[in-house]
Each structure stands twice: as structure tokens, then as C-alpha cells.
Amino acid sequence: MNKLIAFLGASAVGLGALGAHTLARFLDESSLDSFKTAVFYHIVHTIALLALKNHPHRTLTVWLWSLGILLFSGSIYLLVTDILINVDLNFLGPITPIGGILFIAGWLSLIAPSMNK
């Protein structure tokens, strides 16, 4: 789990820096706001994973949040930058809310620790 958290944290900071220092020159304000939202959810759920690290009943939550980061933040990162790589990735649009649902499910999974082993 340490490696997962380290990777997710480093990638959130790196992508945040990319958005702030490089993409800001190429993206419109709306796209940049979406990118910032993706980074925000990415880092918040990475920190939440870190807080959950020593929790005995964490497996389900870890999976849900990790997949949420991949699907929610990952799809936004790709959708926002597709114009820069000249590839139409609009088919990823429906993936974003699935990632959001996984985030919610991860939070709700903390309610019933006996199910979260």
C-alpha cells in the first residue's frame, strides 16, 4: 500500500504542477478548471488513503478510491488534454461519473467495517 500511496501522491503533485505551469498556456479557463478539479480529487483521495493506511478493514475502500482516482481524475486528465495530443477521447466522458460513484462508494464503505476486509 505504501507504493500505491507514494505513486498516487507523486503523480497528483506532478500533474498539478503540469497544469499550473505548462497546461495553463494551452488550455482555456474551463478546461484548466476541470484539470484542477481532477487534481484536487486525486490528491484528496490519496491523502485519505494515507489516513486509512493502518485501518484494519480497508481493502474495499482502497480499491474503490484507487479506481475512483483512475476513472474520475484519469478521464478528466485525458479529456482536457486530448486536443493537445490531437486524439478525440470524448468517448471517455461517461467514465468520469463512474469514478465519482466509486469515490462515494468508498466513503460509504467505511460505514460497515465488517464488509470492508
PDB file of N, CA and C in Angstrom:
ATOM      1  N   MET A   1       0.829  -1.192   0.000  1.00  0.00           N
ATOM      2  CA  MET A   1       0.000   0.000   0.000  1.00  0.00           C
ATOM      3  C   MET A   1       0.873   1.255   0.000  1.00  0.00           C
ATOM      4  N   ASN A   2       2.047   1.168   0.619  1.00  0.00           N
ATOM      5  CA  ASN A   2       2.946   2.329   0.638  1.00  0.00           C
ATOM      6  C   ASN A   2       3.309   2.771  -0.776  1.00  0.00           C
ATOM      7  N   LYS A   3       3.586   1.802  -1.645  1.00  0.00           N
ATOM      8  CA  LYS A   3       3.970   2.131  -3.020  1.00  0.00           C
ATOM      9  C   LYS A   3       2.806   2.768  -3.774  1.00  0.00           C
ATOM     10  N   LEU A   4       1.601   2.264  -3.553  1.00  0.00           N
ATOM     11  CA  LEU A   4       0.414   2.834  -4.192  1.00  0.00           C
ATOM     12  C   LEU A   4       0.232   4.291  -3.762  1.00  0.00           C
ATOM     13  N   ILE A   5       0.294   4.536  -2.463  1.00  0.00           N
ATOM     14  CA  ILE A   5       0.116   5.897  -1.951  1.00  0.00           C
ATOM     15  C   ILE A   5       1.218   6.807  -2.468  1.00  0.00           C
ATOM     16  N   ALA A   6       2.443   6.315  -2.471  1.00  0.00           N
ATOM     17  CA  ALA A   6       3.569   7.124  -2.962  1.00  0.00           C
ATOM     18  C   ALA A   6       3.371   7.476  -4.433  1.00  0.00           C
ATOM     19  N   PHE A   7       2.969   6.489  -5.237  1.00  0.00           N
ATOM     20  CA  PHE A   7       2.745   6.740  -6.660  1.00  0.00           C
ATOM     21  C   PHE A   7       1.604   7.730  -6.874  1.00  0.00           C
ATOM     22  N   LEU A   8       0.482   7.507  -6.191  1.00  0.00           N
ATOM     23  CA  LEU A   8      -0.667   8.390  -6.360  1.00  0.00           C
ATOM     24  C   LEU A   8      -0.352   9.806  -5.890  1.00  0.00           C
ATOM     25  N   GLY A   9       0.354   9.939  -4.782  1.00  0.00           N
ATOM     26  CA  GLY A   9       0.715  11.265  -4.285  1.00  0.00           C
ATOM     27  C   GLY A   9       1.668  11.987  -5.224  1.00  0.00           C
ATOM     28  N   ALA A  10       2.701  11.277  -5.666  1.00  0.00           N
ATOM     29  CA  ALA A  10       3.677  11.892  -6.579  1.00  0.00           C
ATOM     30  C   ALA A  10       3.020  12.282  -7.899  1.00  0.00           C
ATOM     31  N   SER A  11       2.152  11.410  -8.404  1.00  0.00           N
ATOM     32  CA  SER A  11       1.502  11.733  -9.680  1.00  0.00           C
ATOM     33  C   SER A  11       0.532  12.903  -9.529  1.00  0.00           C
ATOM     34  N   ALA A  12      -0.145  13.016  -8.387  1.00  0.00           N
ATOM     35  CA  ALA A  12      -1.041  14.159  -8.165  1.00  0.00           C
ATOM     36  C   ALA A  12      -0.258  15.466  -8.142  1.00  0.00           C
ATOM     37  N   VAL A  13       0.860  15.476  -7.436  1.00  0.00           N
ATOM     38  CA  VAL A  13       1.676  16.689  -7.367  1.00  0.00           C
ATOM     39  C   VAL A  13       2.261  17.009  -8.740  1.00  0.00           C
ATOM     40  N   GLY A  14       2.754  15.997  -9.432  1.00  0.00           N
ATOM     41  CA  GLY A  14       3.320  16.210 -10.766  1.00  0.00           C
ATOM     42  C   GLY A  14       2.295  16.730 -11.755  1.00  0.00           C
ATOM     43  N   LEU A  15       1.111  16.146 -11.743  1.00  0.00           N
ATOM     44  CA  LEU A  15       0.062  16.606 -12.655  1.00  0.00           C
ATOM     45  C   LEU A  15      -0.439  17.996 -12.275  1.00  0.00           C
ATOM     46  N   GLY A  16      -0.485  18.285 -10.981  1.00  0.00           N
ATOM     47  CA  GLY A  16      -0.855  19.623 -10.548  1.00  0.00           C
ATOM     48  C   GLY A  16       0.141  20.658 -11.048  1.00  0.00           C
ATOM     49  N   ALA A  17       1.426  20.327 -10.964  1.00  0.00           N
ATOM     50  CA  ALA A  17       2.464  21.230 -11.464  1.00  0.00           C
ATOM     51  C   ALA A  17       2.372  21.383 -12.980  1.00  0.00           C
ATOM     52  N   LEU A  18       2.104  20.276 -13.658  1.00  0.00           N
ATOM     53  CA  LEU A  18       1.937  20.330 -15.117  1.00  0.00           C
ATOM     54  C   LEU A  18       0.798  21.282 -15.480  1.00  0.00           C
ATOM     55  N   GLY A  19      -0.314  21.151 -14.781  1.00  0.00           N
ATOM     56  CA  GLY A  19      -1.460  22.017 -15.050  1.00  0.00           C
ATOM     57  C   GLY A  19      -1.166  23.480 -14.779  1.00  0.00           C
ATOM     58  N   ALA A  20      -0.496  23.739 -13.673  1.00  0.00           N
ATOM     59  CA  ALA A  20      -0.248  25.122 -13.275  1.00  0.00           C
ATOM     60  C   ALA A  20       0.826  25.803 -14.120  1.00  0.00           C
ATOM     61  N   HIS A  21       1.839  25.048 -14.516  1.00  0.00           N
ATOM     62  CA  HIS A  21       2.993  25.677 -15.157  1.00  0.00           C
ATOM     63  C   HIS A  21       3.079  25.468 -16.664  1.00  0.00           C
ATOM     64  N   THR A  22       2.432  24.445 -17.169  1.00  0.00           N
ATOM     65  CA  THR A  22       2.546  24.172 -18.602  1.00  0.00           C
ATOM     66  C   THR A  22       1.196  24.270 -19.305  1.00  0.00           C
ATOM     67  N   LEU A  23       0.225  23.531 -18.813  1.00  0.00           N
ATOM     68  CA  LEU A  23      -1.064  23.480 -19.500  1.00  0.00           C
ATOM     69  C   LEU A  23      -1.806  24.810 -19.463  1.00  0.00           C
ATOM     70  N   ALA A  24      -1.523  25.624 -18.456  1.00  0.00           N
ATOM     71  CA  ALA A  24      -2.194  26.924 -18.344  1.00  0.00           C
ATOM     72  C   ALA A  24      -1.970  27.779 -19.592  1.00  0.00           C
ATOM     73  N   ARG A  25      -0.894  27.532 -20.297  1.00  0.00           N
ATOM     74  CA  ARG A  25      -0.608  28.294 -21.519  1.00  0.00           C
ATOM     75  C   ARG A  25      -1.415  27.806 -22.715  1.00  0.00           C
ATOM     76  N   PHE A  26      -1.904  26.573 -22.642  1.00  0.00           N
ATOM     77  CA  PHE A  26      -2.533  25.950 -23.807  1.00  0.00           C
ATOM     78  C   PHE A  26      -4.021  25.694 -23.670  1.00  0.00           C
ATOM     79  N   LEU A  27      -4.537  25.700 -22.456  1.00  0.00           N
ATOM     80  CA  LEU A  27      -5.942  25.346 -22.229  1.00  0.00           C
ATOM     81  C   LEU A  27      -6.775  26.585 -21.920  1.00  0.00           C
ATOM     82  N   ASP A  28      -8.051  26.518 -22.293  1.00  0.00           N
ATOM     83  CA  ASP A  28      -8.948  27.608 -21.916  1.00  0.00           C
ATOM     84  C   ASP A  28      -9.276  27.484 -20.423  1.00  0.00           C
ATOM     85  N   GLU A  29      -9.901  28.500 -19.886  1.00  0.00           N
ATOM     86  CA  GLU A  29     -10.170  28.555 -18.444  1.00  0.00           C
ATOM     87  C   GLU A  29     -11.037  27.390 -17.964  1.00  0.00           C
ATOM     88  N   SER A  30     -12.039  27.019 -18.736  1.00  0.00           N
ATOM     89  CA  SER A  30     -12.925  25.919 -18.364  1.00  0.00           C
ATOM     90  C   SER A  30     -12.172  24.592 -18.303  1.00  0.00           C
ATOM     91  N   SER A  31     -11.342  24.344 -19.291  1.00  0.00           N
ATOM     92  CA  SER A  31     -10.556  23.105 -19.312  1.00  0.00           C
ATOM     93  C   SER A  31      -9.559  23.076 -18.166  1.00  0.00           C
ATOM     94  N   LEU A  32      -8.942  24.209 -17.898  1.00  0.00           N
ATOM     95  CA  LEU A  32      -7.981  24.276 -16.801  1.00  0.00           C
ATOM     96  C   LEU A  32      -8.688  24.068 -15.457  1.00  0.00           C
ATOM     97  N   ASP A  33      -9.894  24.608 -15.306  1.00  0.00           N
ATOM     98  CA  ASP A  33     -10.671  24.378 -14.085  1.00  0.00           C
ATOM     99  C   ASP A  33     -10.999  22.898 -13.912  1.00  0.00           C
ATOM    100  N   SER A  34     -11.351  22.224 -14.998  1.00  0.00           N
ATOM    101  CA  SER A  34     -11.629  20.789 -14.942  1.00  0.00           C
ATOM    102  C   SER A  34     -10.381  20.016 -14.539  1.00  0.00           C
ATOM    103  N   PHE A  35      -9.241  20.400 -15.107  1.00  0.00           N
ATOM    104  CA  PHE A  35      -7.982  19.745 -14.766  1.00  0.00           C
ATOM    105  C   PHE A  35      -7.681  19.929 -13.278  1.00  0.00           C
ATOM    106  N   LYS A  36      -7.904  21.142 -12.764  1.00  0.00           N
ATOM    107  CA  LYS A  36      -7.672  21.417 -11.346  1.00  0.00           C
ATOM    108  C   LYS A  36      -8.605  20.584 -10.466  1.00  0.00           C
ATOM    109  N   THR A  37      -9.844  20.401 -10.906  1.00  0.00           N
ATOM    110  CA  THR A  37     -10.784  19.568 -10.155  1.00  0.00           C
ATOM    111  C   THR A  37     -10.275  18.130 -10.094  1.00  0.00           C
ATOM    112  N   ALA A  38      -9.776  17.630 -11.211  1.00  0.00           N
ATOM    113  CA  ALA A  38      -9.232  16.268 -11.247  1.00  0.00           C
ATOM    114  C   ALA A  38      -8.061  16.135 -10.287  1.00  0.00           C
ATOM    115  N   VAL A  39      -7.168  17.111 -10.283  1.00  0.00           N
ATOM    116  CA  VAL A  39      -6.018  17.076  -9.372  1.00  0.00           C
ATOM    117  C   VAL A  39      -6.494  17.131  -7.923  1.00  0.00           C
ATOM    118  N   PHE A  40      -7.483  17.980  -7.654  1.00  0.00           N
ATOM    119  CA  PHE A  40      -7.998  18.113  -6.290  1.00  0.00           C
ATOM    120  C   PHE A  40      -8.544  16.774  -5.771  1.00  0.00           C
ATOM    121  N   TYR A  41      -9.397  16.124  -6.557  1.00  0.00           N
ATOM    122  CA  TYR A  41      -9.952  14.842  -6.123  1.00  0.00           C
ATOM    123  C   TYR A  41      -8.870  13.775  -6.032  1.00  0.00           C
ATOM    124  N   HIS A  42      -7.900  13.836  -6.907  1.00  0.00           N
ATOM    125  CA  HIS A  42      -6.772  12.904  -6.905  1.00  0.00           C
ATOM    126  C   HIS A  42      -6.002  13.033  -5.583  1.00  0.00           C
ATOM    127  N   ILE A  43      -5.617  14.245  -5.220  1.00  0.00           N
ATOM    128  CA  ILE A  43      -4.815  14.432  -4.011  1.00  0.00           C
ATOM    129  C   ILE A  43      -5.632  14.195  -2.742  1.00  0.00           C
ATOM    130  N   VAL A  44      -6.898  14.609  -2.726  1.00  0.00           N
ATOM    131  CA  VAL A  44      -7.733  14.399  -1.535  1.00  0.00           C
ATOM    132  C   VAL A  44      -7.878  12.901  -1.243  1.00  0.00           C
ATOM    133  N   HIS A  45      -8.123  12.127  -2.279  1.00  0.00           N
ATOM    134  CA  HIS A  45      -8.312  10.695  -2.045  1.00  0.00           C
ATOM    135  C   HIS A  45      -6.993   9.974  -1.789  1.00  0.00           C
ATOM    136  N   THR A  46      -5.898  10.518  -2.269  1.00  0.00           N
ATOM    137  CA  THR A  46      -4.590   9.968  -1.918  1.00  0.00           C
ATOM    138  C   THR A  46      -4.296  10.213  -0.444  1.00  0.00           C
ATOM    139  N   ILE A  47      -4.586  11.410   0.030  1.00  0.00           N
ATOM    140  CA  ILE A  47      -4.395  11.713   1.454  1.00  0.00           C
ATOM    141  C   ILE A  47      -5.324  10.851   2.311  1.00  0.00           C
ATOM    142  N   ALA A  48      -6.552  10.654   1.828  1.00  0.00           N
ATOM    143  CA  ALA A  48      -7.487   9.793   2.557  1.00  0.00           C
ATOM    144  C   ALA A  48      -6.951   8.363   2.627  1.00  0.00           C
ATOM    145  N   LEU A  49      -6.340   7.882   1.549  1.00  0.00           N
ATOM    146  CA  LEU A  49      -5.718   6.552   1.573  1.00  0.00           C
ATOM    147  C   LEU A  49      -4.600   6.498   2.609  1.00  0.00           C
ATOM    148  N   LEU A  50      -3.821   7.551   2.679  1.00  0.00           N
ATOM    149  CA  LEU A  50      -2.746   7.617   3.662  1.00  0.00           C
ATOM    150  C   LEU A  50      -3.313   7.547   5.079  1.00  0.00           C
ATOM    151  N   ALA A  51      -4.400   8.251   5.324  1.00  0.00           N
ATOM    152  CA  ALA A  51      -5.038   8.236   6.643  1.00  0.00           C
ATOM    153  C   ALA A  51      -5.599   6.857   6.970  1.00  0.00           C
ATOM    154  N   LEU A  52      -5.970   6.118   5.962  1.00  0.00           N
ATOM    155  CA  LEU A  52      -6.580   4.798   6.136  1.00  0.00           C
ATOM    156  C   LEU A  52      -5.533   3.685   6.214  1.00  0.00           C
ATOM    157  N   LYS A  53      -4.287   4.023   6.010  1.00  0.00           N
ATOM    158  CA  LYS A  53      -3.208   3.053   5.849  1.00  0.00           C
ATOM    159  C   LYS A  53      -3.177   1.982   6.939  1.00  0.00           C
ATOM    160  N   ASN A  54      -3.365   2.358   8.172  1.00  0.00           N
ATOM    161  CA  ASN A  54      -3.275   1.396   9.268  1.00  0.00           C
ATOM    162  C   ASN A  54      -4.633   0.903   9.764  1.00  0.00           C
ATOM    163  N   HIS A  55      -5.664   1.219   9.031  1.00  0.00           N
ATOM    164  CA  HIS A  55      -7.013   0.770   9.399  1.00  0.00           C
ATOM    165  C   HIS A  55      -7.123  -0.719   9.073  1.00  0.00           C
ATOM    166  N   PRO A  56      -7.613  -1.516  10.015  1.00  0.00           N
ATOM    167  CA  PRO A  56      -7.639  -2.969   9.777  1.00  0.00           C
ATOM    168  C   PRO A  56      -8.623  -3.416   8.685  1.00  0.00           C
ATOM    169  N   HIS A  57      -9.654  -2.658   8.433  1.00  0.00           N
ATOM    170  CA  HIS A  57     -10.671  -3.035   7.456  1.00  0.00           C
ATOM    171  C   HIS A  57     -10.679  -2.025   6.318  1.00  0.00           C
ATOM    172  N   ARG A  58      -9.666  -2.078   5.474  1.00  0.00           N
ATOM    173  CA  ARG A  58      -9.516  -1.030   4.478  1.00  0.00           C
ATOM    174  C   ARG A  58      -9.560  -1.501   3.034  1.00  0.00           C
ATOM    175  N   THR A  59      -9.491  -2.763   2.773  1.00  0.00           N
ATOM    176  CA  THR A  59      -9.280  -3.271   1.425  1.00  0.00           C
ATOM    177  C   THR A  59     -10.295  -2.754   0.417  1.00  0.00           C
ATOM    178  N   LEU A  60     -11.569  -2.858   0.721  1.00  0.00           N
ATOM    179  CA  LEU A  60     -12.603  -2.418  -0.213  1.00  0.00           C
ATOM    180  C   LEU A  60     -12.482  -0.919  -0.486  1.00  0.00           C
ATOM    181  N   THR A  61     -12.292  -0.145   0.566  1.00  0.00           N
ATOM    182  CA  THR A  61     -12.176   1.305   0.407  1.00  0.00           C
ATOM    183  C   THR A  61     -10.972   1.665  -0.451  1.00  0.00           C
ATOM    184  N   VAL A  62      -9.852   1.009  -0.221  1.00  0.00           N
ATOM    185  CA  VAL A  62      -8.637   1.260  -1.012  1.00  0.00           C
ATOM    186  C   VAL A  62      -8.910   0.995  -2.489  1.00  0.00           C
ATOM    187  N   TRP A  63      -9.560  -0.114  -2.794  1.00  0.00           N
ATOM    188  CA  TRP A  63      -9.880  -0.432  -4.188  1.00  0.00           C
ATOM    189  C   TRP A  63     -10.813   0.600  -4.804  1.00  0.00           C
ATOM    190  N   LEU A  64     -11.854   0.951  -4.076  1.00  0.00           N
ATOM    191  CA  LEU A  64     -12.836   1.900  -4.609  1.00  0.00           C
ATOM    192  C   LEU A  64     -12.211   3.267  -4.864  1.00  0.00           C
ATOM    193  N   TRP A  65     -11.433   3.770  -3.900  1.00  0.00           N
ATOM    194  CA  TRP A  65     -10.814   5.081  -4.083  1.00  0.00           C
ATOM    195  C   TRP A  65      -9.740   5.058  -5.163  1.00  0.00           C
ATOM    196  N   SER A  66      -8.959   3.995  -5.225  1.00  0.00           N
ATOM    197  CA  SER A  66      -7.908   3.910  -6.251  1.00  0.00           C
ATOM    198  C   SER A  66      -8.519   3.874  -7.644  1.00  0.00           C
ATOM    199  N   LEU A  67      -9.559   3.067  -7.817  1.00  0.00           N
ATOM    200  CA  LEU A  67     -10.244   3.032  -9.117  1.00  0.00           C
ATOM    201  C   LEU A  67     -10.954   4.352  -9.396  1.00  0.00           C
ATOM    202  N   GLY A  68     -11.461   4.992  -8.339  1.00  0.00           N
ATOM    203  CA  GLY A  68     -12.082   6.308  -8.498  1.00  0.00           C
ATOM    204  C   GLY A  68     -11.084   7.328  -9.027  1.00  0.00           C
ATOM    205  N   ILE A  69      -9.879   7.315  -8.479  1.00  0.00           N
ATOM    206  CA  ILE A  69      -8.834   8.229  -8.966  1.00  0.00           C
ATOM    207  C   ILE A  69      -8.548   7.938 -10.435  1.00  0.00           C
ATOM    208  N   LEU A  70      -8.378   6.678 -10.756  1.00  0.00           N
ATOM    209  CA  LEU A  70      -8.070   6.297 -12.133  1.00  0.00           C
ATOM    210  C   LEU A  70      -9.181   6.729 -13.092  1.00  0.00           C
ATOM    211  N   LEU A  71     -10.418   6.412 -12.764  1.00  0.00           N
ATOM    212  CA  LEU A  71     -11.523   6.689 -13.683  1.00  0.00           C
ATOM    213  C   LEU A  71     -11.965   8.153 -13.662  1.00  0.00           C
ATOM    214  N   PHE A  72     -12.119   8.731 -12.478  1.00  0.00           N
ATOM    215  CA  PHE A  72     -12.578  10.119 -12.401  1.00  0.00           C
ATOM    216  C   PHE A  72     -11.474  11.075 -12.852  1.00  0.00           C
ATOM    217  N   SER A  73     -10.393  11.110 -12.101  1.00  0.00           N
ATOM    218  CA  SER A  73      -9.321  12.053 -12.424  1.00  0.00           C
ATOM    219  C   SER A  73      -8.659  11.697 -13.745  1.00  0.00           C
ATOM    220  N   GLY A  74      -8.393  10.419 -13.950  1.00  0.00           N
ATOM    221  CA  GLY A  74      -7.725   9.999 -15.185  1.00  0.00           C
ATOM    222  C   GLY A  74      -8.503  10.369 -16.432  1.00  0.00           C
ATOM    223  N   SER A  75      -9.810  10.162 -16.407  1.00  0.00           N
ATOM    224  CA  SER A  75     -10.606  10.515 -17.586  1.00  0.00           C
ATOM    225  C   SER A  75     -10.616  12.017 -17.821  1.00  0.00           C
ATOM    226  N   ILE A  76     -10.667  12.802 -16.754  1.00  0.00           N
ATOM    227  CA  ILE A  76     -10.638  14.257 -16.924  1.00  0.00           C
ATOM    228  C   ILE A  76      -9.286  14.698 -17.470  1.00  0.00           C
ATOM    229  N   TYR A  77      -8.204  14.144 -16.937  1.00  0.00           N
ATOM    230  CA  TYR A  77      -6.877  14.499 -17.455  1.00  0.00           C
ATOM    231  C   TYR A  77      -6.819  14.264 -18.963  1.00  0.00           C
ATOM    232  N   LEU A  78      -7.319  13.120 -19.392  1.00  0.00           N
ATOM    233  CA  LEU A  78      -7.267  12.786 -20.818  1.00  0.00           C
ATOM    234  C   LEU A  78      -8.237  13.623 -21.650  1.00  0.00           C
ATOM    235  N   LEU A  79      -9.442  13.821 -21.142  1.00  0.00           N
ATOM    236  CA  LEU A  79     -10.434  14.611 -21.886  1.00  0.00           C
ATOM    237  C   LEU A  79      -9.976  16.049 -22.091  1.00  0.00           C
ATOM    238  N   VAL A  80      -9.354  16.610 -21.080  1.00  0.00           N
ATOM    239  CA  VAL A  80      -8.934  18.011 -21.146  1.00  0.00           C
ATOM    240  C   VAL A  80      -7.737  18.192 -22.069  1.00  0.00           C
ATOM    241  N   THR A  81      -6.877  17.196 -22.126  1.00  0.00           N
ATOM    242  CA  THR A  81      -5.643  17.339 -22.915  1.00  0.00           C
ATOM    243  C   THR A  81      -5.725  16.669 -24.283  1.00  0.00           C
ATOM    244  N   ASP A  82      -6.855  16.087 -24.633  1.00  0.00           N
ATOM    245  CA  ASP A  82      -6.941  15.370 -25.916  1.00  0.00           C
ATOM    246  C   ASP A  82      -6.661  16.276 -27.109  1.00  0.00           C
ATOM    247  N   ILE A  83      -7.036  17.541 -26.999  1.00  0.00           N
ATOM    248  CA  ILE A  83      -6.784  18.477 -28.102  1.00  0.00           C
ATOM    249  C   ILE A  83      -5.279  18.704 -28.304  1.00  0.00           C
ATOM    250  N   LEU A  84      -4.520  18.598 -27.214  1.00  0.00           N
ATOM    251  CA  LEU A  84      -3.073  18.811 -27.304  1.00  0.00           C
ATOM    252  C   LEU A  84      -2.359  17.629 -27.957  1.00  0.00           C
ATOM    253  N   ILE A  85      -2.922  16.439 -27.785  1.00  0.00           N
ATOM    254  CA  ILE A  85      -2.308  15.252 -28.400  1.00  0.00           C
ATOM    255  C   ILE A  85      -3.001  14.868 -29.701  1.00  0.00           C
ATOM    256  N   ASN A  86      -3.984  15.687 -30.084  1.00  0.00           N
ATOM    257  CA  ASN A  86      -4.691  15.520 -31.361  1.00  0.00           C
ATOM    258  C   ASN A  86      -5.375  14.158 -31.491  1.00  0.00           C
ATOM    259  N   VAL A  87      -6.020  13.740 -30.401  1.00  0.00           N
ATOM    260  CA  VAL A  87      -6.776  12.488 -30.385  1.00  0.00           C
ATOM    261  C   VAL A  87      -8.128  12.779 -29.741  1.00  0.00           C
ATOM    262  N   ASP A  88      -9.202  12.361 -30.388  1.00  0.00           N
ATOM    263  CA  ASP A  88     -10.542  12.582 -29.844  1.00  0.00           C
ATOM    264  C   ASP A  88     -10.844  11.514 -28.797  1.00  0.00           C
ATOM    265  N   LEU A  89     -10.917  11.926 -27.541  1.00  0.00           N
ATOM    266  CA  LEU A  89     -11.173  10.997 -26.440  1.00  0.00           C
ATOM    267  C   LEU A  89     -12.538  11.238 -25.797  1.00  0.00           C
ATOM    268  N   ASN A  90     -13.455  11.839 -26.535  1.00  0.00           N
ATOM    269  CA  ASN A  90     -14.774  12.147 -25.982  1.00  0.00           C
ATOM    270  C   ASN A  90     -15.530  10.913 -25.494  1.00  0.00           C
ATOM    271  N   PHE A  91     -15.171   9.749 -26.001  1.00  0.00           N
ATOM    272  CA  PHE A  91     -15.829   8.517 -25.552  1.00  0.00           C
ATOM    273  C   PHE A  91     -15.562   8.260 -24.061  1.00  0.00           C
ATOM    274  N   LEU A  92     -14.561   8.937 -23.487  1.00  0.00           N
ATOM    275  CA  LEU A  92     -14.249   8.771 -22.062  1.00  0.00           C
ATOM    276  C   LEU A  92     -15.196   9.551 -21.156  1.00  0.00           C
ATOM    277  N   GLY A  93     -15.998  10.451 -21.724  1.00  0.00           N
ATOM    278  CA  GLY A  93     -16.916  11.265 -20.930  1.00  0.00           C
ATOM    279  C   GLY A  93     -17.762  10.480 -19.938  1.00  0.00           C
ATOM    280  N   PRO A  94     -18.369   9.366 -20.338  1.00  0.00           N
ATOM    281  CA  PRO A  94     -19.188   8.603 -19.389  1.00  0.00           C
ATOM    282  C   PRO A  94     -18.394   7.902 -18.289  1.00  0.00           C
ATOM    283  N   ILE A  95     -17.083   7.826 -18.437  1.00  0.00           N
ATOM    284  CA  ILE A  95     -16.246   7.172 -17.424  1.00  0.00           C
ATOM    285  C   ILE A  95     -16.117   8.047 -16.173  1.00  0.00           C
ATOM    286  N   THR A  96     -16.102   9.356 -16.358  1.00  0.00           N
ATOM    287  CA  THR A  96     -15.891  10.279 -15.243  1.00  0.00           C
ATOM    288  C   THR A  96     -16.902  10.083 -14.116  1.00  0.00           C
ATOM    289  N   PRO A  97     -18.206  10.042 -14.387  1.00  0.00           N
ATOM    290  CA  PRO A  97     -19.147   9.857 -13.277  1.00  0.00           C
ATOM    291  C   PRO A  97     -19.038   8.482 -12.612  1.00  0.00           C
ATOM    292  N   ILE A  98     -18.579   7.481 -13.349  1.00  0.00           N
ATOM    293  CA  ILE A  98     -18.369   6.165 -12.727  1.00  0.00           C
ATOM    294  C   ILE A  98     -17.288   6.290 -11.661  1.00  0.00           C
ATOM    295  N   GLY A  99     -16.229   7.032 -11.982  1.00  0.00           N
ATOM    296  CA  GLY A  99     -15.191   7.288 -10.984  1.00  0.00           C
ATOM    297  C   GLY A  99     -15.734   8.022  -9.781  1.00  0.00           C
ATOM    298  N   GLY A 100     -16.615   8.994 -10.009  1.00  0.00           N
ATOM    299  CA  GLY A 100     -17.242   9.714  -8.903  1.00  0.00           C
ATOM    300  C   GLY A 100     -18.085   8.802  -8.028  1.00  0.00           C
ATOM    301  N   ILE A 101     -18.789   7.889  -8.658  1.00  0.00           N
ATOM    302  CA  ILE A 101     -19.595   6.921  -7.898  1.00  0.00           C
ATOM    303  C   ILE A 101     -18.687   6.020  -7.066  1.00  0.00           C
ATOM    304  N   LEU A 102     -17.533   5.654  -7.610  1.00  0.00           N
ATOM    305  CA  LEU A 102     -16.577   4.846  -6.847  1.00  0.00           C
ATOM    306  C   LEU A 102     -16.044   5.604  -5.636  1.00  0.00           C
ATOM    307  N   PHE A 103     -15.809   6.907  -5.791  1.00  0.00           N
ATOM    308  CA  PHE A 103     -15.401   7.714  -4.636  1.00  0.00           C
ATOM    309  C   PHE A 103     -16.477   7.658  -3.552  1.00  0.00           C
ATOM    310  N   ILE A 104     -17.717   7.884  -3.947  1.00  0.00           N
ATOM    311  CA  ILE A 104     -18.825   7.864  -2.986  1.00  0.00           C
ATOM    312  C   ILE A 104     -18.939   6.489  -2.332  1.00  0.00           C
ATOM    313  N   ALA A 105     -18.856   5.448  -3.136  1.00  0.00           N
ATOM    314  CA  ALA A 105     -18.942   4.078  -2.600  1.00  0.00           C
ATOM    315  C   ALA A 105     -17.813   3.815  -1.608  1.00  0.00           C
ATOM    316  N   GLY A 106     -16.626   4.349  -1.899  1.00  0.00           N
ATOM    317  CA  GLY A 106     -15.504   4.182  -0.974  1.00  0.00           C
ATOM    318  C   GLY A 106     -15.784   4.831   0.372  1.00  0.00           C
ATOM    319  N   TRP A 107     -16.336   6.031   0.333  1.00  0.00           N
ATOM    320  CA  TRP A 107     -16.674   6.689   1.594  1.00  0.00           C
ATOM    321  C   TRP A 107     -17.760   5.912   2.340  1.00  0.00           C
ATOM    322  N   LEU A 108     -18.762   5.452   1.607  1.00  0.00           N
ATOM    323  CA  LEU A 108     -19.837   4.692   2.249  1.00  0.00           C
ATOM    324  C   LEU A 108     -19.356   3.350   2.770  1.00  0.00           C
ATOM    325  N   SER A 109     -18.332   2.791   2.146  1.00  0.00           N
ATOM    326  CA  SER A 109     -17.817   1.504   2.611  1.00  0.00           C
ATOM    327  C   SER A 109     -17.209   1.602   4.007  1.00  0.00           C
ATOM    328  N   LEU A 110     -16.892   2.803   4.423  1.00  0.00           N
ATOM    329  CA  LEU A 110     -16.343   2.975   5.781  1.00  0.00           C
ATOM    330  C   LEU A 110     -17.406   2.810   6.857  1.00  0.00           C
ATOM    331  N   ILE A 111     -18.671   2.846   6.452  1.00  0.00           N
ATOM    332  CA  ILE A 111     -19.759   2.698   7.418  1.00  0.00           C
ATOM    333  C   ILE A 111     -19.806   1.292   7.992  1.00  0.00           C
ATOM    334  N   ALA A 112     -19.542   0.309   7.157  1.00  0.00           N
ATOM    335  CA  ALA A 112     -19.672  -1.085   7.576  1.00  0.00           C
ATOM    336  C   ALA A 112     -18.303  -1.765   7.514  1.00  0.00           C
ATOM    337  N   PRO A 113     -17.462  -1.560   8.546  1.00  0.00           N
ATOM    338  CA  PRO A 113     -16.115  -2.133   8.512  1.00  0.00           C
ATOM    339  C   PRO A 113     -16.099  -3.650   8.371  1.00  0.00           C
ATOM    340  N   SER A 114     -17.127  -4.344   8.834  1.00  0.00           N
ATOM    341  CA  SER A 114     -17.128  -5.795   8.717  1.00  0.00           C
ATOM    342  C   SER A 114     -17.189  -6.238   7.265  1.00  0.00           C
ATOM    343  N   MET A 115     -17.738  -5.392   6.389  1.00  0.00           N
ATOM    344  CA  MET A 115     -17.800  -5.714   4.958  1.00  0.00           C
ATOM    345  C   MET A 115     -16.525  -5.282   4.248  1.00  0.00           C
ATOM    346  N   ASN A 116     -15.706  -4.511   4.893  1.00  0.00           N
ATOM    347  CA  ASN A 116     -14.542  -3.873   4.281  1.00  0.00           C
ATOM    348  C   ASN A 116     -13.252  -4.536   4.775  1.00  0.00           C
ATOM    349  N   LYS A 117     -13.111  -5.814   4.492  1.00  0.00           N
ATOM    350  CA  LYS A 117     -11.926  -6.543   4.960  1.00  0.00           C
ATOM    351  C   LYS A 117     -10.965  -6.806   3.846  1.00  0.00           C
TER     352      LYS A 117
END
